Amino acid sequence: MSETKHIETVTKSNGSLRRNSPVLNKDGGDIELIDVKENTVIVRLLGNCSSCHINTSTLKLGVENTIKQHVPEIVEVINID
């Protein structure tokens, strides 16, 4: 991925993450973009989201779907601790 394309993908991905923040904030959590590598977005769930028993569902069904809608080249979103 070229530098320009990487910056564009990071910017779009971060914008998509911000769309999910209000929902996560309501439950005392948030999400932080760590990096984009190839077609994978790497995030860190924060606050209550980091220890929530349904955070995998939140990540895959909420965050990943939103990112894929706005950044179609992304195939996966993973959380790191």
Protein backbone atom coordinates (compact mmCIF):
# COMPACT_ATOMS: atom_id res chain seq x y z
CA MET A 1 0.00 0.00 0.00
CA SER A 2 1.43 3.37 -0.96
CA GLU A 3 2.00 6.04 1.69
CA THR A 4 -0.81 8.18 0.27
CA LYS A 5 -3.25 5.26 0.17
CA HIS A 6 -2.26 4.27 3.72
CA ILE A 7 -2.95 7.79 5.03
CA GLU A 8 -6.30 7.85 3.21
CA THR A 9 -7.28 4.44 4.63
CA VAL A 10 -6.25 5.46 8.16
CA THR A 11 -8.23 8.70 7.88
CA LYS A 12 -11.37 6.94 6.61
CA SER A 13 -11.04 4.19 9.21
CA ASN A 14 -10.66 6.67 12.03
CA GLY A 15 -13.73 8.56 10.81
CA SER A 16 -15.71 5.33 10.85
CA LEU A 17 -14.53 4.58 14.38
CA ARG A 18 -15.72 8.00 15.52
CA ARG A 19 -19.21 7.05 14.30
CA ASN A 20 -19.20 4.20 16.85
CA SER A 21 -17.84 6.25 19.76
CA PRO A 22 -21.16 7.71 20.99
CA VAL A 23 -22.63 4.23 21.43
CA LEU A 24 -19.53 2.96 23.21
CA ASN A 25 -19.34 6.13 25.35
CA LYS A 26 -22.88 5.51 26.66
CA ASP A 27 -21.61 2.29 28.26
CA GLY A 28 -18.45 3.91 29.63
CA GLY A 29 -16.15 2.76 26.85
CA ASP A 30 -14.45 3.95 23.72
CA ILE A 31 -12.24 2.75 20.88
CA GLU A 32 -8.83 3.85 19.68
CA LEU A 33 -7.25 3.33 16.27
CA ILE A 34 -3.81 1.78 16.65
CA ASP A 35 -2.86 1.12 13.02
CA VAL A 36 -3.96 -0.09 9.61
CA LYS A 37 -1.86 -2.89 8.15
CA GLU A 38 -2.71 -4.03 4.65
CA ASN A 39 -6.48 -4.63 4.83
CA THR A 40 -6.71 -4.94 8.62
CA VAL A 41 -7.63 -2.24 11.10
CA ILE A 42 -6.05 -2.65 14.52
CA VAL A 43 -7.90 -1.06 17.43
CA ARG A 44 -7.92 -1.02 21.21
CA LEU A 45 -11.18 -1.11 23.12
CA LEU A 46 -11.05 1.23 26.11
CA GLY A 47 -12.85 1.64 29.43
CA ASN A 48 -15.75 -0.71 30.08
CA CYS A 49 -15.51 -2.05 26.50
CA SER A 50 -12.12 -3.62 27.21
CA SER A 51 -13.54 -6.05 29.76
CA CYS A 52 -17.12 -6.41 28.51
CA HIS A 53 -18.21 -9.99 27.86
CA ILE A 54 -19.79 -9.04 24.51
CA ASN A 55 -16.93 -6.91 23.19
CA THR A 56 -16.24 -9.41 20.39
CA SER A 57 -19.80 -8.93 19.13
CA THR A 58 -19.47 -5.16 19.43
CA LEU A 59 -16.22 -5.28 17.50
CA LYS A 60 -17.40 -7.55 14.69
CA LEU A 61 -21.07 -6.61 14.32
CA GLY A 62 -20.80 -2.91 15.07
CA VAL A 63 -17.33 -1.54 14.50
CA GLU A 64 -16.18 -3.84 11.70
CA ASN A 65 -19.42 -3.50 9.74
CA THR A 66 -19.32 0.30 9.98
CA ILE A 67 -15.71 0.44 8.81
CA LYS A 68 -16.37 -1.94 5.92
CA GLN A 69 -19.27 0.26 4.75
CA HIS A 70 -17.02 3.32 4.55
CA VAL A 71 -13.69 1.66 3.74
CA PRO A 72 -14.52 -1.37 1.54
CA GLU A 73 -10.89 -2.46 1.19
CA ILE A 74 -10.81 -3.36 4.89
CA VAL A 75 -11.49 -7.06 5.47
CA GLU A 76 -10.97 -7.33 9.22
CA VAL A 77 -10.86 -5.35 12.44
CA ILE A 78 -8.88 -6.77 15.35
CA ASN A 79 -8.59 -5.64 18.96
CA ILE A 80 -5.33 -5.65 20.86
CA ASP A 81 -5.09 -5.44 24.64
